[in-house]
Amino acid sequence: MAAGFKDHFSSASDAYAAFRPDYPDALYAWLAGQCGARAAAWDCATGNGQAARGLAAHFGRIVATDASAEQIRHAQPHPGVDYRVASAEASGLATASVDLVTVAQAAHWFDLPRFYAEARRVLKPAGILAVWGYGRLVLPDPLDAPYLDFYARTLGPYWPAERALVEDGYRGLPFPFPPVQAPAFAIRVEWNLPRLIAYLSTWSAVKRYQAARGHDPLPDLQARLTPAWGEPMTARALAWPLFLRAGRSAA
C-alpha cells in the first residue's frame, strides 16, 4: 500500500463493488470523442473498476490502478482491463503511453501536484485528463429532510475533510490543465429502499461512525424513511448530477 495513502474504502471493498452506482455510458463516449487516438487509457484509483469497464468499450486497453490491493481484489474482471496495485502518484506506466487519464470520485484524496506531474508524464501529446465525481443524492420530498439530517447532522463529524471538495463540485480543486468544456451528465438509477441503504453502507463516514459509536446508524435512517417511501421494495427513480473537470495535455 502506498505511503501516505488514505484508505477509507478497503474495509468495505466487497460492498463497494456491489452497491456503488455506475456512471453513464454517455460520459465514456464523450471522453473517447475528445481523444485523438483510443489505444490506451489509465483509470486511476479505479476502486471496483466501474469506470475502467465502461471505458473498455471505447479504448484498446485500459490500465486500472488502485493503491488498495483489497479494492483490486474485488474488482470485476474484464478482458479489456489490466488491474494493478499502484498509487496515483506513481503509476508504473511508460511515459507518453496513454490517450486518456481518468479519476472517478477520488481526486480529492490525492497528493495533487505529484499526481498531475504523473498524469502529464504518462499522457500522450494533446491527451485528456478527466476527473469527476458526484455529491449528495437529493431525494424526492418528503424523503429528503430525514436523509439530509442523517447526512449532515448524524454523519457530519465523521466525514473526512476532503469531502468539502466534493461538496464544492471540485470547483476549488486545483486543475492546471487547459480546460475542455463538457456537457452535463448524471447517474440515474431505479432503486428500492433496501438498495439505497446498501449503497449508504459504503460511505466512509458510515464506517467511521460505526467504529466510533459501536453501532450502525442505518437501521434508524431506514425506519425514518419508510413511512414516506411506502412499500420498501418499490423502486424509485433517483439521480446524482456529476461534476467534471477535463483538460488537455501539451501538444
C-alpha atoms as a PDB file:
ATOM      1  CA  MET A   1       0.000   0.000   0.000  1.00  0.00           C
ATOM      2  CA  ALA A   2       1.367   3.437  -0.944  1.00  0.00           C
ATOM      3  CA  ALA A   3       2.941   5.558   1.780  1.00  0.00           C
ATOM      4  CA  GLY A   4       0.576   8.320   2.855  1.00  0.00           C
ATOM      5  CA  PHE A   5      -2.399   6.647   1.169  1.00  0.00           C
ATOM      6  CA  LYS A   6      -5.651   7.480   2.978  1.00  0.00           C
ATOM      7  CA  ASP A   7      -7.530   4.193   2.800  1.00  0.00           C
ATOM      8  CA  HIS A   8     -11.199   4.812   3.619  1.00  0.00           C
ATOM      9  CA  PHE A   9     -12.601   2.009   1.484  1.00  0.00           C
ATOM     10  CA  SER A  10     -10.663  -1.272   1.707  1.00  0.00           C
ATOM     11  CA  SER A  11     -12.665  -2.426   4.735  1.00  0.00           C
ATOM     12  CA  ALA A  12     -15.832  -2.260   2.629  1.00  0.00           C
ATOM     13  CA  SER A  13     -14.401  -3.183  -0.761  1.00  0.00           C
ATOM     14  CA  ASP A  14     -16.836  -6.060  -1.353  1.00  0.00           C
ATOM     15  CA  ALA A  15     -19.839  -3.816  -0.609  1.00  0.00           C
ATOM     16  CA  TYR A  16     -18.270  -1.004  -2.624  1.00  0.00           C
ATOM     17  CA  ALA A  17     -18.046  -3.314  -5.626  1.00  0.00           C
ATOM     18  CA  ALA A  18     -21.635  -4.493  -5.192  1.00  0.00           C
ATOM     19  CA  PHE A  19     -23.514  -1.316  -4.325  1.00  0.00           C
ATOM     20  CA  ARG A  20     -21.900   1.780  -5.853  1.00  0.00           C
ATOM     21  CA  PRO A  21     -23.872   3.186  -8.823  1.00  0.00           C
ATOM     22  CA  ASP A  22     -22.448   3.036 -12.353  1.00  0.00           C
ATOM     23  CA  TYR A  23     -21.503   6.114 -14.360  1.00  0.00           C
ATOM     24  CA  PRO A  24     -23.447   6.853 -17.563  1.00  0.00           C
ATOM     25  CA  ASP A  25     -22.303   5.395 -20.868  1.00  0.00           C
ATOM     26  CA  ALA A  26     -22.658   8.861 -22.411  1.00  0.00           C
ATOM     27  CA  LEU A  27     -19.771  10.073 -20.244  1.00  0.00           C
ATOM     28  CA  TYR A  28     -17.410   7.404 -21.581  1.00  0.00           C
ATOM     29  CA  ALA A  29     -18.447   8.069 -25.175  1.00  0.00           C
ATOM     30  CA  TRP A  30     -17.838  11.804 -24.732  1.00  0.00           C
ATOM     31  CA  LEU A  31     -14.396  11.232 -23.199  1.00  0.00           C
ATOM     32  CA  ALA A  32     -13.416   8.919 -26.039  1.00  0.00           C
ATOM     33  CA  GLY A  33     -14.569  11.529 -28.529  1.00  0.00           C
ATOM     34  CA  GLN A  34     -12.167  14.085 -27.077  1.00  0.00           C
ATOM     35  CA  CYS A  35      -9.144  11.852 -27.680  1.00  0.00           C
ATOM     36  CA  GLY A  36      -7.202  11.899 -30.918  1.00  0.00           C
ATOM     37  CA  ALA A  37      -6.464   8.194 -30.521  1.00  0.00           C
ATOM     38  CA  ARG A  38      -8.016   5.458 -28.405  1.00  0.00           C
ATOM     39  CA  ALA A  39      -5.210   2.975 -27.975  1.00  0.00           C
ATOM     40  CA  ALA A  40      -4.944   3.108 -24.176  1.00  0.00           C
ATOM     41  CA  ALA A  41      -6.347   4.808 -21.095  1.00  0.00           C
ATOM     42  CA  TRP A  42      -5.354   4.862 -17.438  1.00  0.00           C
ATOM     43  CA  ASP A  43      -8.172   4.734 -14.887  1.00  0.00           C
ATOM     44  CA  CYS A  44      -6.519   5.918 -11.687  1.00  0.00           C
ATOM     45  CA  ALA A  45      -7.926   4.983  -8.250  1.00  0.00           C
ATOM     46  CA  THR A  46     -10.205   2.555 -10.041  1.00  0.00           C
ATOM     47  CA  GLY A  47     -11.838   1.152  -6.895  1.00  0.00           C
ATOM     48  CA  ASN A  48     -14.024  -1.708  -8.078  1.00  0.00           C
ATOM     49  CA  GLY A  49     -13.316  -0.912 -11.740  1.00  0.00           C
ATOM     50  CA  GLN A  50     -16.602   0.766 -12.637  1.00  0.00           C
ATOM     51  CA  ALA A  51     -15.093   3.457 -14.853  1.00  0.00           C
ATOM     52  CA  ALA A  52     -12.437   1.121 -16.248  1.00  0.00           C
ATOM     53  CA  ARG A  53     -15.045  -1.327 -17.507  1.00  0.00           C
ATOM     54  CA  GLY A  54     -17.111   1.484 -19.010  1.00  0.00           C
ATOM     55  CA  LEU A  55     -14.090   2.888 -20.820  1.00  0.00           C
ATOM     56  CA  ALA A  56     -13.101  -0.526 -22.158  1.00  0.00           C
ATOM     57  CA  ALA A  57     -15.802  -0.313 -24.849  1.00  0.00           C
ATOM     58  CA  HIS A  58     -14.013   2.708 -26.333  1.00  0.00           C
ATOM     59  CA  PHE A  59     -10.281   2.037 -25.912  1.00  0.00           C
ATOM     60  CA  GLY A  60      -7.983  -0.747 -26.999  1.00  0.00           C
ATOM     61  CA  ARG A  61      -6.563  -1.230 -23.496  1.00  0.00           C
ATOM     62  CA  ILE A  62      -7.378   0.055 -20.029  1.00  0.00           C
ATOM     63  CA  VAL A  63      -4.836   0.037 -17.213  1.00  0.00           C
ATOM     64  CA  ALA A  64      -6.791   0.365 -13.970  1.00  0.00           C
ATOM     65  CA  THR A  65      -4.817   1.065 -10.798  1.00  0.00           C
ATOM     66  CA  ASP A  66      -5.657   1.484  -7.141  1.00  0.00           C
ATOM     67  CA  ALA A  67      -3.431   1.905  -4.105  1.00  0.00           C
ATOM     68  CA  SER A  68      -5.654  -0.586  -2.258  1.00  0.00           C
ATOM     69  CA  ALA A  69      -4.881  -4.221  -3.022  1.00  0.00           C
ATOM     70  CA  GLU A  70      -8.216  -5.106  -1.426  1.00  0.00           C
ATOM     71  CA  GLN A  71     -10.121  -2.947  -3.902  1.00  0.00           C
ATOM     72  CA  ILE A  72      -8.257  -4.542  -6.807  1.00  0.00           C
ATOM     73  CA  ARG A  73      -9.015  -7.999  -5.400  1.00  0.00           C
ATOM     74  CA  HIS A  74     -12.760  -7.220  -5.531  1.00  0.00           C
ATOM     75  CA  ALA A  75     -12.690  -5.523  -8.949  1.00  0.00           C
ATOM     76  CA  GLN A  76     -14.809  -7.227 -11.589  1.00  0.00           C
ATOM     77  CA  PRO A  77     -12.622  -8.872 -14.252  1.00  0.00           C
ATOM     78  CA  HIS A  78     -12.890  -7.636 -17.828  1.00  0.00           C
ATOM     79  CA  PRO A  79     -10.868  -8.786 -20.854  1.00  0.00           C
ATOM     80  CA  GLY A  80     -10.050  -5.203 -21.794  1.00  0.00           C
ATOM     81  CA  VAL A  81      -8.907  -4.109 -18.332  1.00  0.00           C
ATOM     82  CA  ASP A  82      -5.496  -4.713 -16.768  1.00  0.00           C
ATOM     83  CA  TYR A  83      -5.875  -4.233 -12.995  1.00  0.00           C
ATOM     84  CA  ARG A  84      -2.781  -3.271 -10.998  1.00  0.00           C
ATOM     85  CA  VAL A  85      -1.961  -2.086  -7.481  1.00  0.00           C
ATOM     86  CA  ALA A  86      -0.263   1.312  -7.790  1.00  0.00           C
ATOM     87  CA  SER A  87      -0.618   4.780  -6.332  1.00  0.00           C
ATOM     88  CA  ALA A  88      -1.971   7.798  -8.169  1.00  0.00           C
ATOM     89  CA  GLU A  89       1.412   9.462  -7.904  1.00  0.00           C
ATOM     90  CA  ALA A  90       3.488   6.507  -9.196  1.00  0.00           C
ATOM     91  CA  SER A  91       1.521   4.546 -11.783  1.00  0.00           C
ATOM     92  CA  GLY A  92       4.344   2.464 -13.232  1.00  0.00           C
ATOM     93  CA  LEU A  93       3.149   3.334 -16.751  1.00  0.00           C
ATOM     94  CA  ALA A  94       5.516   4.289 -19.531  1.00  0.00           C
ATOM     95  CA  THR A  95       5.986   7.923 -20.493  1.00  0.00           C
ATOM     96  CA  ALA A  96       3.578   9.182 -23.187  1.00  0.00           C
ATOM     97  CA  SER A  97       1.742   5.854 -23.240  1.00  0.00           C
ATOM     98  CA  VAL A  98      -1.966   6.701 -22.780  1.00  0.00           C
ATOM     99  CA  ASP A  99      -4.516   8.836 -24.593  1.00  0.00           C
ATOM    100  CA  LEU A 100      -6.717   9.433 -21.544  1.00  0.00           C
ATOM    101  CA  VAL A 101      -6.325   9.565 -17.759  1.00  0.00           C
ATOM    102  CA  THR A 102      -9.491   9.327 -15.654  1.00  0.00           C
ATOM    103  CA  VAL A 103     -10.215   9.664 -11.952  1.00  0.00           C
ATOM    104  CA  ALA A 104     -13.730   8.924 -10.723  1.00  0.00           C
ATOM    105  CA  GLN A 105     -14.752  10.160  -7.262  1.00  0.00           C
ATOM    106  CA  ALA A 106     -11.188  10.036  -5.920  1.00  0.00           C
ATOM    107  CA  ALA A 107      -9.054  13.040  -6.929  1.00  0.00           C
ATOM    108  CA  HIS A 108      -9.750  14.764  -3.590  1.00  0.00           C
ATOM    109  CA  TRP A 109      -7.664  12.071  -1.847  1.00  0.00           C
ATOM    110  CA  PHE A 110      -4.525  12.626  -3.930  1.00  0.00           C
ATOM    111  CA  ASP A 111      -1.269  14.465  -3.490  1.00  0.00           C
ATOM    112  CA  LEU A 112      -2.395  16.585  -6.420  1.00  0.00           C
ATOM    113  CA  PRO A 113       0.905  18.192  -7.519  1.00  0.00           C
ATOM    114  CA  ARG A 114       2.534  14.762  -7.719  1.00  0.00           C
ATOM    115  CA  PHE A 115      -0.482  13.202  -9.427  1.00  0.00           C
ATOM    116  CA  TYR A 116      -0.663  15.980 -12.020  1.00  0.00           C
ATOM    117  CA  ALA A 117       3.037  15.531 -12.759  1.00  0.00           C
ATOM    118  CA  GLU A 118       2.434  11.800 -13.230  1.00  0.00           C
ATOM    119  CA  ALA A 119      -0.576  12.444 -15.486  1.00  0.00           C
ATOM    120  CA  ARG A 120       1.484  14.810 -17.655  1.00  0.00           C
ATOM    121  CA  ARG A 121       4.232  12.208 -17.880  1.00  0.00           C
ATOM    122  CA  VAL A 122       2.055   9.294 -18.991  1.00  0.00           C
ATOM    123  CA  LEU A 123      -0.277  11.226 -21.313  1.00  0.00           C
ATOM    124  CA  LYS A 124       0.483  11.391 -24.995  1.00  0.00           C
ATOM    125  CA  PRO A 125       0.701  14.883 -26.547  1.00  0.00           C
ATOM    126  CA  ALA A 126      -2.762  16.505 -26.506  1.00  0.00           C
ATOM    127  CA  GLY A 127      -4.095  13.664 -24.332  1.00  0.00           C
ATOM    128  CA  ILE A 128      -7.020  14.212 -21.969  1.00  0.00           C
ATOM    129  CA  LEU A 129      -7.180  14.218 -18.176  1.00  0.00           C
ATOM    130  CA  ALA A 130     -10.689  13.974 -16.694  1.00  0.00           C
ATOM    131  CA  VAL A 131     -11.606  13.959 -13.009  1.00  0.00           C
ATOM    132  CA  TRP A 132     -15.202  13.710 -11.903  1.00  0.00           C
ATOM    133  CA  GLY A 133     -17.469  12.871  -9.026  1.00  0.00           C
ATOM    134  CA  TYR A 134     -20.924  13.266  -7.550  1.00  0.00           C
ATOM    135  CA  GLY A 135     -22.167  14.833  -4.360  1.00  0.00           C
ATOM    136  CA  ARG A 136     -25.142  14.158  -2.151  1.00  0.00           C
ATOM    137  CA  LEU A 137     -28.109  12.449  -3.723  1.00  0.00           C
ATOM    138  CA  VAL A 138     -31.193  14.653  -3.270  1.00  0.00           C
ATOM    139  CA  LEU A 139     -34.246  12.525  -2.552  1.00  0.00           C
ATOM    140  CA  PRO A 140     -37.801  13.485  -3.557  1.00  0.00           C
ATOM    141  CA  ASP A 141     -39.833  15.317  -0.916  1.00  0.00           C
ATOM    142  CA  PRO A 142     -40.678  14.400   1.822  1.00  0.00           C
ATOM    143  CA  LEU A 143     -37.831  11.863   1.904  1.00  0.00           C
ATOM    144  CA  ASP A 144     -35.058  14.404   1.610  1.00  0.00           C
ATOM    145  CA  ALA A 145     -35.447  16.073   5.027  1.00  0.00           C
ATOM    146  CA  PRO A 146     -34.609  12.981   7.127  1.00  0.00           C
ATOM    147  CA  TYR A 147     -31.951  11.981   4.606  1.00  0.00           C
ATOM    148  CA  LEU A 148     -30.286  15.405   4.803  1.00  0.00           C
ATOM    149  CA  ASP A 149     -30.432  15.294   8.597  1.00  0.00           C
ATOM    150  CA  PHE A 150     -28.662  11.929   8.524  1.00  0.00           C
ATOM    151  CA  TYR A 151     -26.052  13.174   6.043  1.00  0.00           C
ATOM    152  CA  ALA A 152     -25.280  16.495   7.722  1.00  0.00           C
ATOM    153  CA  ARG A 153     -26.037  16.037  11.431  1.00  0.00           C
ATOM    154  CA  THR A 154     -25.632  12.318  12.168  1.00  0.00           C
ATOM    155  CA  LEU A 155     -22.628  11.795   9.902  1.00  0.00           C
ATOM    156  CA  GLY A 156     -21.330  15.372   9.851  1.00  0.00           C
ATOM    157  CA  PRO A 157     -18.458  14.846  12.328  1.00  0.00           C
ATOM    158  CA  TYR A 158     -17.372  11.662  10.565  1.00  0.00           C
ATOM    159  CA  TRP A 159     -16.852  12.954   7.035  1.00  0.00           C
ATOM    160  CA  PRO A 160     -13.167  13.370   6.118  1.00  0.00           C
ATOM    161  CA  ALA A 161     -12.070  16.958   5.496  1.00  0.00           C
ATOM    162  CA  GLU A 162     -11.559  16.169   1.798  1.00  0.00           C
ATOM    163  CA  ARG A 163     -15.328  15.767   1.451  1.00  0.00           C
ATOM    164  CA  ALA A 164     -15.554  19.563   1.224  1.00  0.00           C
ATOM    165  CA  LEU A 165     -14.025  19.413  -2.269  1.00  0.00           C
ATOM    166  CA  VAL A 166     -16.791  17.030  -3.343  1.00  0.00           C
ATOM    167  CA  GLU A 167     -19.465  19.281  -1.843  1.00  0.00           C
ATOM    168  CA  ASP A 168     -17.992  22.126  -3.882  1.00  0.00           C
ATOM    169  CA  GLY A 169     -18.197  20.091  -7.098  1.00  0.00           C
ATOM    170  CA  TYR A 170     -14.389  20.246  -7.457  1.00  0.00           C
ATOM    171  CA  ARG A 171     -14.613  23.953  -8.226  1.00  0.00           C
ATOM    172  CA  GLY A 172     -11.929  24.564  -5.599  1.00  0.00           C
ATOM    173  CA  LEU A 173      -9.743  21.717  -6.824  1.00  0.00           C
ATOM    174  CA  PRO A 174      -6.507  22.955  -8.420  1.00  0.00           C
ATOM    175  CA  PHE A 175      -6.555  21.893 -12.069  1.00  0.00           C
ATOM    176  CA  PRO A 176      -3.528  23.137 -14.050  1.00  0.00           C
ATOM    177  CA  PHE A 177      -4.605  21.860 -17.475  1.00  0.00           C
ATOM    178  CA  PRO A 178      -6.180  23.893 -20.301  1.00  0.00           C
ATOM    179  CA  PRO A 179      -9.891  23.170 -19.814  1.00  0.00           C
ATOM    180  CA  VAL A 180     -12.128  21.206 -22.149  1.00  0.00           C
ATOM    181  CA  GLN A 181     -15.773  22.155 -21.747  1.00  0.00           C
ATOM    182  CA  ALA A 182     -18.041  19.207 -21.056  1.00  0.00           C
ATOM    183  CA  PRO A 183     -21.807  18.709 -21.248  1.00  0.00           C
ATOM    184  CA  ALA A 184     -23.848  17.843 -18.153  1.00  0.00           C
ATOM    185  CA  PHE A 185     -24.012  14.203 -17.103  1.00  0.00           C
ATOM    186  CA  ALA A 186     -25.928  12.425 -14.355  1.00  0.00           C
ATOM    187  CA  ILE A 187     -26.097   8.987 -12.766  1.00  0.00           C
ATOM    188  CA  ARG A 188     -29.660   7.673 -12.944  1.00  0.00           C
ATOM    189  CA  VAL A 189     -30.929   4.562 -11.166  1.00  0.00           C
ATOM    190  CA  GLU A 190     -34.170   2.946 -10.058  1.00  0.00           C
ATOM    191  CA  TRP A 191     -33.639   1.618  -6.546  1.00  0.00           C
ATOM    192  CA  ASN A 192     -35.815   0.280  -3.779  1.00  0.00           C
ATOM    193  CA  LEU A 193     -35.200   1.354  -0.189  1.00  0.00           C
ATOM    194  CA  PRO A 194     -33.002  -1.609   0.852  1.00  0.00           C
ATOM    195  CA  ARG A 195     -30.808  -0.958  -2.220  1.00  0.00           C
ATOM    196  CA  LEU A 196     -30.406   2.680  -1.205  1.00  0.00           C
ATOM    197  CA  ILE A 197     -29.462   1.658   2.337  1.00  0.00           C
ATOM    198  CA  ALA A 198     -26.917  -0.825   0.925  1.00  0.00           C
ATOM    199  CA  TYR A 199     -25.331   1.996  -1.069  1.00  0.00           C
ATOM    200  CA  LEU A 200     -25.165   4.204   2.025  1.00  0.00           C
ATOM    201  CA  SER A 201     -23.363   1.405   3.852  1.00  0.00           C
ATOM    202  CA  THR A 202     -20.353   2.012   1.564  1.00  0.00           C
ATOM    203  CA  TRP A 203     -19.877   5.598   2.756  1.00  0.00           C
ATOM    204  CA  SER A 204     -16.633   6.209   4.610  1.00  0.00           C
ATOM    205  CA  ALA A 205     -18.497   8.373   7.142  1.00  0.00           C
ATOM    206  CA  VAL A 206     -20.823   5.481   7.990  1.00  0.00           C
ATOM    207  CA  LYS A 207     -17.814   3.248   8.641  1.00  0.00           C
ATOM    208  CA  ARG A 208     -16.212   5.906  10.833  1.00  0.00           C
ATOM    209  CA  TYR A 209     -19.473   6.407  12.750  1.00  0.00           C
ATOM    210  CA  GLN A 210     -19.760   2.659  13.353  1.00  0.00           C
ATOM    211  CA  ALA A 211     -16.172   2.482  14.602  1.00  0.00           C
ATOM    212  CA  ALA A 212     -16.591   5.472  16.925  1.00  0.00           C
ATOM    213  CA  ARG A 213     -20.096   4.733  18.248  1.00  0.00           C
ATOM    214  CA  GLY A 214     -20.153   0.950  18.196  1.00  0.00           C
ATOM    215  CA  HIS A 215     -23.454   0.663  16.328  1.00  0.00           C
ATOM    216  CA  ASP A 216     -24.895   1.065  12.839  1.00  0.00           C
ATOM    217  CA  PRO A 217     -26.879   4.283  12.169  1.00  0.00           C
ATOM    218  CA  LEU A 218     -28.563   2.939   9.028  1.00  0.00           C
ATOM    219  CA  PRO A 219     -31.459   0.951  10.553  1.00  0.00           C
ATOM    220  CA  ASP A 220     -32.694   4.139  12.220  1.00  0.00           C
ATOM    221  CA  LEU A 221     -32.484   6.028   8.931  1.00  0.00           C
ATOM    222  CA  GLN A 222     -34.373   3.267   7.127  1.00  0.00           C
ATOM    223  CA  ALA A 223     -37.115   3.426   9.774  1.00  0.00           C
ATOM    224  CA  ARG A 224     -37.366   7.199   9.298  1.00  0.00           C
ATOM    225  CA  LEU A 225     -37.572   6.901   5.506  1.00  0.00           C
ATOM    226  CA  THR A 226     -40.045   4.019   5.345  1.00  0.00           C
ATOM    227  CA  PRO A 227     -43.294   5.957   6.064  1.00  0.00           C
ATOM    228  CA  ALA A 228     -42.700   8.374   3.174  1.00  0.00           C
ATOM    229  CA  TRP A 229     -41.178   5.745   0.864  1.00  0.00           C
ATOM    230  CA  GLY A 230     -44.113   3.388   1.205  1.00  0.00           C
ATOM    231  CA  GLU A 231     -43.587  -0.263   0.313  1.00  0.00           C
ATOM    232  CA  PRO A 232     -39.799  -0.632   0.761  1.00  0.00           C
ATOM    233  CA  MET A 233     -39.407  -2.826  -2.327  1.00  0.00           C
ATOM    234  CA  THR A 234     -40.991  -0.173  -4.554  1.00  0.00           C
ATOM    235  CA  ALA A 235     -38.321   1.207  -6.885  1.00  0.00           C
ATOM    236  CA  ARG A 236     -37.906   4.970  -7.145  1.00  0.00           C
ATOM    237  CA  ALA A 237     -36.081   6.952  -9.820  1.00  0.00           C
ATOM    238  CA  LEU A 238     -33.004   8.590  -8.267  1.00  0.00           C
ATOM    239  CA  ALA A 239     -30.273  10.745  -9.802  1.00  0.00           C
ATOM    240  CA  TRP A 240     -26.914  12.260  -8.929  1.00  0.00           C
ATOM    241  CA  PRO A 241     -25.668  15.122 -11.148  1.00  0.00           C
ATOM    242  CA  LEU A 242     -21.997  14.613 -11.996  1.00  0.00           C
ATOM    243  CA  PHE A 243     -19.345  17.315 -11.800  1.00  0.00           C
ATOM    244  CA  LEU A 244     -16.422  17.038 -14.201  1.00  0.00           C
ATOM    245  CA  ARG A 245     -13.105  18.801 -14.758  1.00  0.00           C
ATOM    246  CA  ALA A 246     -11.422  17.914 -18.055  1.00  0.00           C
ATOM    247  CA  GLY A 247      -8.256  19.284 -19.622  1.00  0.00           C
ATOM    248  CA  ARG A 248      -5.743  18.615 -22.379  1.00  0.00           C
ATOM    249  CA  SER A 249      -2.034  17.972 -22.019  1.00  0.00           C
ATOM    250  CA  ALA A 250       0.510  19.949 -24.034  1.00  0.00           C
ATOM    251  CA  ALA A 251       0.687  19.050 -27.706  1.00  0.00           C
END
